[in-house]
Amino acid sequence: IGGPPASGKSTLADELARRSGWPVLSSDAVRKDTQGRDLTERLADDEYTPAARAAVYRELGERAFAAVAACDGVIVDATFGDERLRGAFLDGIDDRQALSALECFVPARLRERWVSARTAQTARGSDASPAVAARLAADHSGWDELPEEMILTVRPGAGAGFVADQVADWLDTRSVGGSTPGP
């Protein structure tokens, strides 16, 4: 599940995990775990250099690969907004898994409201300030590396339950065509 900060990714990931029983791997949680830090702790800016971010995405891919082997599915929650980060993730999973990419889209004003309302306890590990969220949203690019039929754009502002129903229908349709297993 990708999209700019405060686009509803984590809320959707939680709902999909509840329905499928699959674990959620978050780039924010992996970043803090590899640093031995609590999810509510804010990291310094030097933890977000391009090299540090790519290392987190590679680790995220490696953990996703291991999770799929252990339980047949995993939900990955990260912005995926940069080609280099998506490449590091794909290197981590060794590009051997069938992916289904969800791209979250919400209007800028809603993202701004959601990011401004976050607290350390509700941010789920995200350190993105309103300014960082705006910058990442402006620079965000989608999964150009994947075929169009592997990508679904969703609008989490409609509610996680409603969007999860859409995702389930889409995955079911894809699994009937044989391109990827559904949950």
N, C-alpha and C. Protein backbone atom coordinates (compact mmCIF):
# COMPACT_ATOMS: atom_id res chain seq x y z
N ILE A 1 0.87 -1.17 0.00
CA ILE A 1 0.00 0.00 0.00
C ILE A 1 0.90 1.22 0.00
N GLY A 2 0.81 2.01 -1.02
CA GLY A 2 1.65 3.19 -1.13
C GLY A 2 0.81 4.45 -1.24
N GLY A 3 1.50 5.57 -1.11
CA GLY A 3 0.87 6.87 -1.21
C GLY A 3 1.62 7.85 -0.35
N PRO A 4 1.37 9.12 -0.53
CA PRO A 4 2.06 10.12 0.28
C PRO A 4 1.73 9.97 1.77
N PRO A 5 2.53 10.57 2.64
CA PRO A 5 2.19 10.55 4.06
C PRO A 5 0.79 11.10 4.30
N ALA A 6 0.10 10.51 5.26
CA ALA A 6 -1.25 10.94 5.66
C ALA A 6 -2.27 10.76 4.54
N SER A 7 -2.11 9.70 3.74
CA SER A 7 -3.08 9.42 2.68
C SER A 7 -3.98 8.25 3.04
N GLY A 8 -3.89 7.76 4.27
CA GLY A 8 -4.77 6.68 4.72
C GLY A 8 -4.19 5.29 4.57
N LYS A 9 -2.91 5.18 4.25
CA LYS A 9 -2.28 3.87 4.03
C LYS A 9 -2.37 2.97 5.26
N SER A 10 -1.98 3.49 6.40
CA SER A 10 -1.93 2.66 7.61
C SER A 10 -3.31 2.24 8.08
N THR A 11 -4.28 3.10 7.96
CA THR A 11 -5.65 2.76 8.34
C THR A 11 -6.17 1.65 7.43
N LEU A 12 -5.92 1.79 6.14
CA LEU A 12 -6.33 0.75 5.18
C LEU A 12 -5.57 -0.54 5.44
N ALA A 13 -4.28 -0.46 5.70
CA ALA A 13 -3.49 -1.66 5.99
C ALA A 13 -4.04 -2.40 7.20
N ASP A 14 -4.39 -1.66 8.25
CA ASP A 14 -4.96 -2.29 9.44
C ASP A 14 -6.27 -3.00 9.13
N GLU A 15 -7.13 -2.37 8.33
CA GLU A 15 -8.41 -2.99 7.98
C GLU A 15 -8.20 -4.24 7.12
N LEU A 16 -7.29 -4.17 6.17
CA LEU A 16 -7.02 -5.34 5.32
C LEU A 16 -6.40 -6.46 6.15
N ALA A 17 -5.54 -6.13 7.09
CA ALA A 17 -4.94 -7.14 7.97
C ALA A 17 -6.01 -7.81 8.83
N ARG A 18 -6.92 -7.01 9.35
CA ARG A 18 -8.00 -7.56 10.18
C ARG A 18 -8.82 -8.56 9.38
N ARG A 19 -9.08 -8.25 8.14
CA ARG A 19 -9.91 -9.12 7.30
C ARG A 19 -9.16 -10.35 6.80
N SER A 20 -7.90 -10.21 6.48
CA SER A 20 -7.15 -11.30 5.85
C SER A 20 -6.36 -12.16 6.85
N GLY A 21 -6.03 -11.57 8.00
CA GLY A 21 -5.16 -12.27 8.94
C GLY A 21 -3.68 -12.14 8.59
N TRP A 22 -3.38 -11.40 7.53
CA TRP A 22 -1.99 -11.20 7.13
C TRP A 22 -1.33 -10.15 8.02
N PRO A 23 -0.02 -10.28 8.25
CA PRO A 23 0.68 -9.26 9.02
C PRO A 23 0.89 -7.99 8.20
N VAL A 24 1.08 -6.89 8.91
CA VAL A 24 1.40 -5.61 8.27
C VAL A 24 2.86 -5.29 8.55
N LEU A 25 3.59 -4.99 7.51
CA LEU A 25 4.96 -4.49 7.64
C LEU A 25 4.96 -3.04 7.21
N SER A 26 5.44 -2.18 8.07
CA SER A 26 5.45 -0.74 7.82
C SER A 26 6.88 -0.25 7.70
N SER A 27 7.12 0.62 6.74
CA SER A 27 8.46 1.21 6.61
C SER A 27 8.82 1.99 7.86
N ASP A 28 7.85 2.68 8.46
CA ASP A 28 8.11 3.44 9.69
C ASP A 28 8.52 2.50 10.82
N ALA A 29 7.81 1.38 10.96
CA ALA A 29 8.13 0.42 12.03
C ALA A 29 9.48 -0.24 11.78
N VAL A 30 9.77 -0.60 10.54
CA VAL A 30 11.07 -1.22 10.22
C VAL A 30 12.19 -0.23 10.51
N ARG A 31 12.01 1.03 10.11
CA ARG A 31 13.03 2.07 10.35
C ARG A 31 13.34 2.17 11.84
N LYS A 32 12.31 2.22 12.66
CA LYS A 32 12.52 2.38 14.10
C LYS A 32 13.04 1.09 14.73
N ASP A 33 12.57 -0.05 14.24
CA ASP A 33 13.04 -1.34 14.75
C ASP A 33 14.53 -1.53 14.49
N THR A 34 14.98 -1.20 13.29
CA THR A 34 16.40 -1.38 12.98
C THR A 34 17.29 -0.44 13.78
N GLN A 35 16.70 0.65 14.28
CA GLN A 35 17.45 1.61 15.11
C GLN A 35 17.27 1.32 16.61
N GLY A 36 16.47 0.29 16.93
CA GLY A 36 16.21 -0.03 18.33
C GLY A 36 15.40 1.04 19.03
N ARG A 37 14.53 1.71 18.28
CA ARG A 37 13.76 2.83 18.84
C ARG A 37 12.29 2.46 18.95
N ASP A 38 11.61 3.13 19.86
CA ASP A 38 10.17 2.97 20.04
C ASP A 38 9.44 3.68 18.91
N LEU A 39 8.26 3.16 18.54
CA LEU A 39 7.49 3.78 17.46
C LEU A 39 7.14 5.24 17.72
N THR A 40 7.00 5.62 18.97
CA THR A 40 6.61 7.00 19.28
C THR A 40 7.80 7.95 19.33
N GLU A 41 9.02 7.41 19.24
CA GLU A 41 10.22 8.25 19.27
C GLU A 41 10.45 8.89 17.92
N ARG A 42 10.73 10.16 17.90
CA ARG A 42 11.02 10.88 16.65
C ARG A 42 12.51 10.69 16.31
N LEU A 43 12.80 10.31 15.08
CA LEU A 43 14.18 10.12 14.65
C LEU A 43 14.75 11.42 14.10
N ALA A 44 16.05 11.52 14.14
CA ALA A 44 16.75 12.69 13.61
C ALA A 44 16.68 12.67 12.08
N ASP A 45 16.85 13.84 11.49
CA ASP A 45 16.79 13.98 10.04
C ASP A 45 17.80 13.08 9.32
N ASP A 46 18.97 12.82 9.94
CA ASP A 46 19.97 12.01 9.25
C ASP A 46 19.56 10.54 9.12
N GLU A 47 18.48 10.15 9.77
CA GLU A 47 17.92 8.80 9.59
C GLU A 47 17.09 8.71 8.31
N TYR A 48 16.93 9.84 7.63
CA TYR A 48 16.11 9.91 6.43
C TYR A 48 16.90 10.31 5.19
N THR A 49 18.20 10.07 5.19
CA THR A 49 18.99 10.32 4.00
C THR A 49 18.54 9.34 2.91
N PRO A 50 18.81 9.63 1.65
CA PRO A 50 18.43 8.69 0.60
C PRO A 50 19.00 7.28 0.84
N ALA A 51 20.24 7.18 1.29
CA ALA A 51 20.84 5.86 1.53
C ALA A 51 20.15 5.15 2.70
N ALA A 52 19.85 5.88 3.76
CA ALA A 52 19.17 5.27 4.91
C ALA A 52 17.77 4.82 4.53
N ARG A 53 17.07 5.62 3.76
CA ARG A 53 15.71 5.25 3.34
C ARG A 53 15.75 4.02 2.43
N ALA A 54 16.71 3.97 1.51
CA ALA A 54 16.83 2.80 0.63
C ALA A 54 17.13 1.54 1.43
N ALA A 55 17.97 1.65 2.46
CA ALA A 55 18.27 0.48 3.31
C ALA A 55 17.01 -0.01 4.01
N VAL A 56 16.17 0.91 4.46
CA VAL A 56 14.91 0.52 5.12
C VAL A 56 14.02 -0.20 4.12
N TYR A 57 13.92 0.29 2.90
CA TYR A 57 13.05 -0.34 1.91
C TYR A 57 13.58 -1.71 1.49
N ARG A 58 14.89 -1.86 1.42
CA ARG A 58 15.44 -3.19 1.12
C ARG A 58 15.09 -4.15 2.25
N GLU A 59 15.29 -3.71 3.49
CA GLU A 59 14.94 -4.54 4.65
C GLU A 59 13.44 -4.86 4.64
N LEU A 60 12.63 -3.90 4.29
CA LEU A 60 11.19 -4.10 4.19
C LEU A 60 10.88 -5.19 3.16
N GLY A 61 11.55 -5.15 2.03
CA GLY A 61 11.37 -6.19 1.02
C GLY A 61 11.80 -7.55 1.51
N GLU A 62 12.93 -7.61 2.21
CA GLU A 62 13.40 -8.89 2.75
C GLU A 62 12.42 -9.45 3.78
N ARG A 63 11.91 -8.59 4.64
CA ARG A 63 10.93 -9.03 5.63
C ARG A 63 9.62 -9.46 4.97
N ALA A 64 9.23 -8.77 3.92
CA ALA A 64 8.01 -9.14 3.20
C ALA A 64 8.17 -10.51 2.55
N PHE A 65 9.32 -10.76 1.96
CA PHE A 65 9.59 -12.05 1.34
C PHE A 65 9.50 -13.16 2.37
N ALA A 66 10.09 -12.96 3.54
CA ALA A 66 10.05 -13.95 4.61
C ALA A 66 8.61 -14.15 5.12
N ALA A 67 7.86 -13.07 5.24
CA ALA A 67 6.48 -13.17 5.73
C ALA A 67 5.60 -13.93 4.75
N VAL A 68 5.77 -13.69 3.46
CA VAL A 68 4.97 -14.40 2.47
C VAL A 68 5.28 -15.90 2.53
N ALA A 69 6.54 -16.23 2.71
CA ALA A 69 6.92 -17.64 2.81
C ALA A 69 6.30 -18.29 4.04
N ALA A 70 6.14 -17.52 5.11
CA ALA A 70 5.62 -18.06 6.37
C ALA A 70 4.10 -18.11 6.42
N CYS A 71 3.41 -17.17 5.77
CA CYS A 71 1.95 -17.13 5.96
C CYS A 71 1.18 -16.81 4.69
N ASP A 72 1.76 -16.98 3.53
CA ASP A 72 1.09 -16.83 2.24
C ASP A 72 0.68 -15.41 1.87
N GLY A 73 0.95 -14.43 2.70
CA GLY A 73 0.59 -13.07 2.34
C GLY A 73 1.10 -12.09 3.36
N VAL A 74 1.26 -10.85 2.93
CA VAL A 74 1.70 -9.78 3.81
C VAL A 74 1.19 -8.47 3.23
N ILE A 75 0.94 -7.53 4.10
CA ILE A 75 0.53 -6.19 3.69
C ILE A 75 1.69 -5.26 4.02
N VAL A 76 2.17 -4.54 3.02
CA VAL A 76 3.30 -3.65 3.21
C VAL A 76 2.79 -2.21 3.12
N ASP A 77 3.12 -1.43 4.13
CA ASP A 77 2.66 -0.05 4.28
C ASP A 77 3.87 0.87 4.19
N ALA A 78 4.01 1.58 3.08
CA ALA A 78 5.13 2.50 2.86
C ALA A 78 4.72 3.50 1.79
N THR A 79 5.42 4.62 1.70
CA THR A 79 5.03 5.60 0.69
C THR A 79 5.27 5.07 -0.73
N PHE A 80 6.35 4.37 -0.95
CA PHE A 80 6.71 3.85 -2.28
C PHE A 80 6.68 4.97 -3.33
N GLY A 81 6.95 6.20 -2.93
CA GLY A 81 6.81 7.33 -3.82
C GLY A 81 8.04 7.70 -4.61
N ASP A 82 9.09 6.91 -4.48
CA ASP A 82 10.36 7.22 -5.15
C ASP A 82 10.84 5.95 -5.85
N GLU A 83 11.22 6.10 -7.11
CA GLU A 83 11.67 4.97 -7.92
C GLU A 83 12.82 4.20 -7.27
N ARG A 84 13.76 4.92 -6.64
CA ARG A 84 14.90 4.24 -6.00
C ARG A 84 14.45 3.41 -4.81
N LEU A 85 13.48 3.91 -4.07
CA LEU A 85 12.97 3.15 -2.92
C LEU A 85 12.20 1.92 -3.37
N ARG A 86 11.40 2.06 -4.42
CA ARG A 86 10.69 0.90 -4.95
C ARG A 86 11.70 -0.13 -5.45
N GLY A 87 12.79 0.33 -6.09
CA GLY A 87 13.82 -0.59 -6.55
C GLY A 87 14.50 -1.32 -5.40
N ALA A 88 14.78 -0.62 -4.32
CA ALA A 88 15.39 -1.25 -3.14
C ALA A 88 14.44 -2.29 -2.56
N PHE A 89 13.15 -1.97 -2.50
CA PHE A 89 12.15 -2.94 -2.02
C PHE A 89 12.14 -4.18 -2.91
N LEU A 90 12.09 -3.97 -4.22
CA LEU A 90 12.06 -5.10 -5.15
C LEU A 90 13.34 -5.94 -5.05
N ASP A 91 14.49 -5.28 -4.82
CA ASP A 91 15.72 -6.03 -4.59
C ASP A 91 15.60 -6.91 -3.35
N GLY A 92 14.95 -6.38 -2.32
CA GLY A 92 14.79 -7.12 -1.07
C GLY A 92 13.91 -8.34 -1.22
N ILE A 93 12.87 -8.25 -2.04
CA ILE A 93 12.02 -9.42 -2.24
C ILE A 93 12.53 -10.26 -3.41
N ASP A 94 13.62 -9.82 -3.99
CA ASP A 94 14.25 -10.52 -5.11
C ASP A 94 13.32 -10.57 -6.32
N ASP A 95 12.32 -9.68 -6.34
CA ASP A 95 11.40 -9.55 -7.46
C ASP A 95 10.77 -10.88 -7.87
N ARG A 96 10.58 -11.78 -6.91
CA ARG A 96 10.04 -13.10 -7.22
C ARG A 96 8.57 -13.25 -6.85
N GLN A 97 8.00 -12.31 -6.18
CA GLN A 97 6.62 -12.44 -5.72
C GLN A 97 5.67 -11.67 -6.64
N ALA A 98 4.48 -12.24 -6.79
CA ALA A 98 3.43 -11.50 -7.51
C ALA A 98 2.94 -10.40 -6.58
N LEU A 99 3.02 -9.19 -7.04
CA LEU A 99 2.62 -8.05 -6.23
C LEU A 99 1.26 -7.52 -6.67
N SER A 100 0.55 -6.99 -5.73
CA SER A 100 -0.64 -6.20 -5.99
C SER A 100 -0.37 -4.87 -5.33
N ALA A 101 -0.33 -3.81 -6.10
CA ALA A 101 0.01 -2.49 -5.55
C ALA A 101 -1.24 -1.64 -5.41
N LEU A 102 -1.44 -1.13 -4.21
CA LEU A 102 -2.52 -0.19 -3.95
C LEU A 102 -1.89 1.18 -3.80
N GLU A 103 -2.41 2.15 -4.54
CA GLU A 103 -1.92 3.52 -4.42
C GLU A 103 -3.05 4.37 -3.83
N CYS A 104 -2.77 4.93 -2.67
CA CYS A 104 -3.77 5.75 -1.98
C CYS A 104 -3.72 7.18 -2.50
N PHE A 105 -4.88 7.70 -2.84
CA PHE A 105 -4.99 9.08 -3.28
C PHE A 105 -6.07 9.77 -2.45
N VAL A 106 -5.70 10.87 -1.85
CA VAL A 106 -6.67 11.75 -1.20
C VAL A 106 -6.28 13.18 -1.54
N PRO A 107 -7.24 14.08 -1.58
CA PRO A 107 -6.92 15.48 -1.89
C PRO A 107 -5.94 16.06 -0.87
N ALA A 108 -5.14 17.03 -1.32
CA ALA A 108 -4.12 17.64 -0.48
C ALA A 108 -4.70 18.21 0.80
N ARG A 109 -5.85 18.84 0.73
CA ARG A 109 -6.42 19.45 1.94
C ARG A 109 -6.75 18.40 2.99
N LEU A 110 -7.17 17.21 2.57
CA LEU A 110 -7.47 16.14 3.51
C LEU A 110 -6.18 15.58 4.11
N ARG A 111 -5.16 15.38 3.27
CA ARG A 111 -3.85 14.93 3.79
C ARG A 111 -3.32 15.93 4.81
N GLU A 112 -3.43 17.21 4.49
CA GLU A 112 -2.95 18.25 5.41
C GLU A 112 -3.69 18.19 6.74
N ARG A 113 -4.98 18.00 6.69
CA ARG A 113 -5.77 17.91 7.92
C ARG A 113 -5.37 16.67 8.72
N TRP A 114 -5.22 15.54 8.03
CA TRP A 114 -4.87 14.29 8.72
C TRP A 114 -3.48 14.37 9.34
N VAL A 115 -2.49 14.90 8.62
CA VAL A 115 -1.13 14.96 9.17
C VAL A 115 -1.06 15.95 10.33
N SER A 116 -1.81 17.02 10.26
CA SER A 116 -1.82 18.00 11.34
C SER A 116 -2.46 17.46 12.61
N ALA A 117 -3.37 16.51 12.46
CA ALA A 117 -4.09 15.95 13.61
C ALA A 117 -3.31 14.83 14.30
N ARG A 118 -2.20 14.38 13.70
CA ARG A 118 -1.44 13.27 14.28
C ARG A 118 -0.78 13.66 15.59
N THR A 119 -0.66 12.68 16.46
CA THR A 119 0.14 12.79 17.67
C THR A 119 1.16 11.67 17.63
N ALA A 120 2.12 11.67 18.53
CA ALA A 120 3.12 10.60 18.57
C ALA A 120 2.44 9.23 18.71
N GLN A 121 1.33 9.18 19.44
CA GLN A 121 0.64 7.91 19.66
C GLN A 121 -0.20 7.49 18.46
N THR A 122 -0.72 8.43 17.70
CA THR A 122 -1.59 8.07 16.57
C THR A 122 -0.85 8.02 15.24
N ALA A 123 0.39 8.45 15.19
CA ALA A 123 1.13 8.53 13.93
C ALA A 123 1.64 7.18 13.45
N ARG A 124 1.54 6.14 14.26
CA ARG A 124 1.96 4.78 13.90
C ARG A 124 3.42 4.73 13.45
N GLY A 125 4.24 5.55 14.09
CA GLY A 125 5.66 5.54 13.79
C GLY A 125 6.12 6.57 12.79
N SER A 126 5.19 7.24 12.12
CA SER A 126 5.57 8.24 11.12
C SER A 126 6.13 9.48 11.80
N ASP A 127 7.23 9.97 11.25
CA ASP A 127 7.83 11.23 11.71
C ASP A 127 7.52 12.38 10.76
N ALA A 128 6.69 12.14 9.75
CA ALA A 128 6.43 13.16 8.73
C ALA A 128 5.65 14.34 9.31
N SER A 129 6.28 15.48 9.33
CA SER A 129 5.63 16.74 9.73
C SER A 129 4.76 17.20 8.56
N PRO A 130 3.91 18.19 8.78
CA PRO A 130 3.14 18.71 7.64
C PRO A 130 4.02 19.16 6.48
N ALA A 131 5.16 19.79 6.77
CA ALA A 131 6.06 20.25 5.69
C ALA A 131 6.68 19.07 4.95
N VAL A 132 7.11 18.05 5.67
CA VAL A 132 7.70 16.86 5.03
C VAL A 132 6.63 16.13 4.23
N ALA A 133 5.45 15.99 4.79
CA ALA A 133 4.36 15.32 4.07
C ALA A 133 4.04 16.04 2.77
N ALA A 134 4.02 17.36 2.79
CA ALA A 134 3.74 18.13 1.58
C ALA A 134 4.84 17.94 0.54
N ARG A 135 6.10 17.95 0.99
CA ARG A 135 7.22 17.76 0.06
C ARG A 135 7.19 16.37 -0.56
N LEU A 136 6.95 15.34 0.26
CA LEU A 136 6.90 13.97 -0.26
C LEU A 136 5.72 13.78 -1.21
N ALA A 137 4.60 14.44 -0.91
CA ALA A 137 3.44 14.35 -1.81
C ALA A 137 3.75 15.01 -3.16
N ALA A 138 4.44 16.14 -3.12
CA ALA A 138 4.77 16.85 -4.37
C ALA A 138 5.73 16.05 -5.24
N ASP A 139 6.62 15.28 -4.61
CA ASP A 139 7.61 14.49 -5.33
C ASP A 139 7.17 13.06 -5.59
N HIS A 140 5.98 12.69 -5.17
CA HIS A 140 5.53 11.29 -5.22
C HIS A 140 5.32 10.82 -6.65
N SER A 141 5.83 9.64 -6.93
CA SER A 141 5.58 8.99 -8.22
C SER A 141 5.03 7.59 -7.95
N GLY A 142 4.30 7.07 -8.91
CA GLY A 142 3.66 5.77 -8.74
C GLY A 142 4.48 4.62 -9.28
N TRP A 143 3.91 3.44 -9.20
CA TRP A 143 4.58 2.19 -9.57
C TRP A 143 4.70 2.05 -11.08
N ASP A 144 5.57 2.80 -11.70
CA ASP A 144 5.80 2.67 -13.14
C ASP A 144 6.47 1.34 -13.48
N GLU A 145 7.05 0.68 -12.49
CA GLU A 145 7.76 -0.59 -12.70
C GLU A 145 6.81 -1.77 -12.88
N LEU A 146 5.55 -1.60 -12.54
CA LEU A 146 4.59 -2.71 -12.59
C LEU A 146 3.60 -2.51 -13.73
N PRO A 147 3.10 -3.61 -14.27
CA PRO A 147 2.04 -3.49 -15.27
C PRO A 147 0.79 -2.86 -14.66
N GLU A 148 0.04 -2.17 -15.47
CA GLU A 148 -1.14 -1.44 -15.01
C GLU A 148 -2.14 -2.34 -14.28
N GLU A 149 -2.29 -3.58 -14.72
CA GLU A 149 -3.27 -4.47 -14.09
C GLU A 149 -2.88 -4.91 -12.67
N MET A 150 -1.66 -4.59 -12.27
CA MET A 150 -1.20 -4.93 -10.91
C MET A 150 -1.39 -3.77 -9.94
N ILE A 151 -1.98 -2.67 -10.39
CA ILE A 151 -2.09 -1.46 -9.58
C ILE A 151 -3.55 -1.04 -9.45
N LEU A 152 -3.96 -0.75 -8.23
CA LEU A 152 -5.30 -0.22 -7.98
C LEU A 152 -5.15 1.08 -7.21
N THR A 153 -5.73 2.15 -7.75
CA THR A 153 -5.75 3.43 -7.04
C THR A 153 -7.01 3.48 -6.19
N VAL A 154 -6.82 3.78 -4.91
CA VAL A 154 -7.95 3.82 -3.97
C VAL A 154 -8.01 5.19 -3.31
N ARG A 155 -9.18 5.51 -2.78
CA ARG A 155 -9.41 6.79 -2.11
C ARG A 155 -9.85 6.52 -0.67
N PRO A 156 -8.88 6.39 0.25
CA PRO A 156 -9.21 6.05 1.63
C PRO A 156 -10.11 7.04 2.35
N GLY A 157 -10.28 8.23 1.83
CA GLY A 157 -11.19 9.19 2.45
C GLY A 157 -12.63 8.69 2.47
N ALA A 158 -12.94 7.67 1.67
CA ALA A 158 -14.28 7.10 1.63
C ALA A 158 -14.54 6.18 2.82
N GLY A 159 -13.52 5.88 3.59
CA GLY A 159 -13.65 4.99 4.75
C GLY A 159 -12.93 3.68 4.50
N ALA A 160 -12.21 3.20 5.50
CA ALA A 160 -11.38 2.00 5.34
C ALA A 160 -12.21 0.77 5.00
N GLY A 161 -13.38 0.62 5.60
CA GLY A 161 -14.21 -0.55 5.31
C GLY A 161 -14.67 -0.58 3.87
N PHE A 162 -15.14 0.56 3.37
CA PHE A 162 -15.60 0.66 1.99
C PHE A 162 -14.45 0.37 1.03
N VAL A 163 -13.29 0.96 1.28
CA VAL A 163 -12.14 0.77 0.40
C VAL A 163 -11.65 -0.68 0.48
N ALA A 164 -11.66 -1.28 1.67
CA ALA A 164 -11.25 -2.68 1.81
C ALA A 164 -12.16 -3.59 0.99
N ASP A 165 -13.46 -3.28 0.94
CA ASP A 165 -14.38 -4.05 0.09
C ASP A 165 -13.97 -3.95 -1.38
N GLN A 166 -13.61 -2.73 -1.83
CA GLN A 166 -13.16 -2.55 -3.21
C GLN A 166 -11.89 -3.34 -3.48
N VAL A 167 -10.96 -3.31 -2.54
CA VAL A 167 -9.70 -4.03 -2.70
C VAL A 167 -9.97 -5.53 -2.78
N ALA A 168 -10.82 -6.05 -1.90
CA ALA A 168 -11.14 -7.48 -1.91
C ALA A 168 -11.75 -7.89 -3.25
N ASP A 169 -12.67 -7.08 -3.77
CA ASP A 169 -13.28 -7.38 -5.07
C ASP A 169 -12.22 -7.39 -6.17
N TRP A 170 -11.33 -6.40 -6.14
CA TRP A 170 -10.27 -6.32 -7.15
C TRP A 170 -9.34 -7.53 -7.06
N LEU A 171 -8.94 -7.90 -5.85
CA LEU A 171 -8.06 -9.06 -5.68
C LEU A 171 -8.76 -10.34 -6.12
N ASP A 172 -10.05 -10.48 -5.81
CA ASP A 172 -10.80 -11.65 -6.25
C ASP A 172 -10.84 -11.73 -7.76
N THR A 173 -11.07 -10.59 -8.42
CA THR A 173 -11.10 -10.55 -9.87
C THR A 173 -9.74 -10.94 -10.45
N ARG A 174 -8.67 -10.44 -9.84
CA ARG A 174 -7.32 -10.79 -10.30
C ARG A 174 -7.04 -12.27 -10.11
N SER A 175 -7.47 -12.85 -8.98
CA SER A 175 -7.17 -14.26 -8.72
C SER A 175 -7.93 -15.18 -9.68
N VAL A 176 -9.13 -14.77 -10.11
CA VAL A 176 -9.88 -15.56 -11.08
C VAL A 176 -9.14 -15.61 -12.40
N GLY A 177 -8.47 -14.50 -12.75
CA GLY A 177 -7.67 -14.45 -13.97
C GLY A 177 -6.35 -15.18 -13.85
N GLY A 178 -6.01 -15.63 -12.63
CA GLY A 178 -4.79 -16.40 -12.44
C GLY A 178 -3.53 -15.59 -12.26
N SER A 179 -3.63 -14.23 -12.18
CA SER A 179 -2.41 -13.46 -12.11
C SER A 179 -1.86 -13.31 -10.70
N THR A 180 -2.68 -13.46 -9.68
CA THR A 180 -2.19 -13.36 -8.31
C THR A 180 -3.22 -13.99 -7.38
N PRO A 181 -2.77 -14.59 -6.30
CA PRO A 181 -3.73 -15.16 -5.35
C PRO A 181 -4.46 -14.07 -4.59
N GLY A 182 -5.71 -14.28 -4.27
CA GLY A 182 -6.47 -13.36 -3.44
C GLY A 182 -6.34 -13.75 -1.98
N PRO A 183 -6.76 -12.87 -1.06
CA PRO A 183 -6.62 -13.19 0.36
C PRO A 183 -7.59 -14.27 0.80
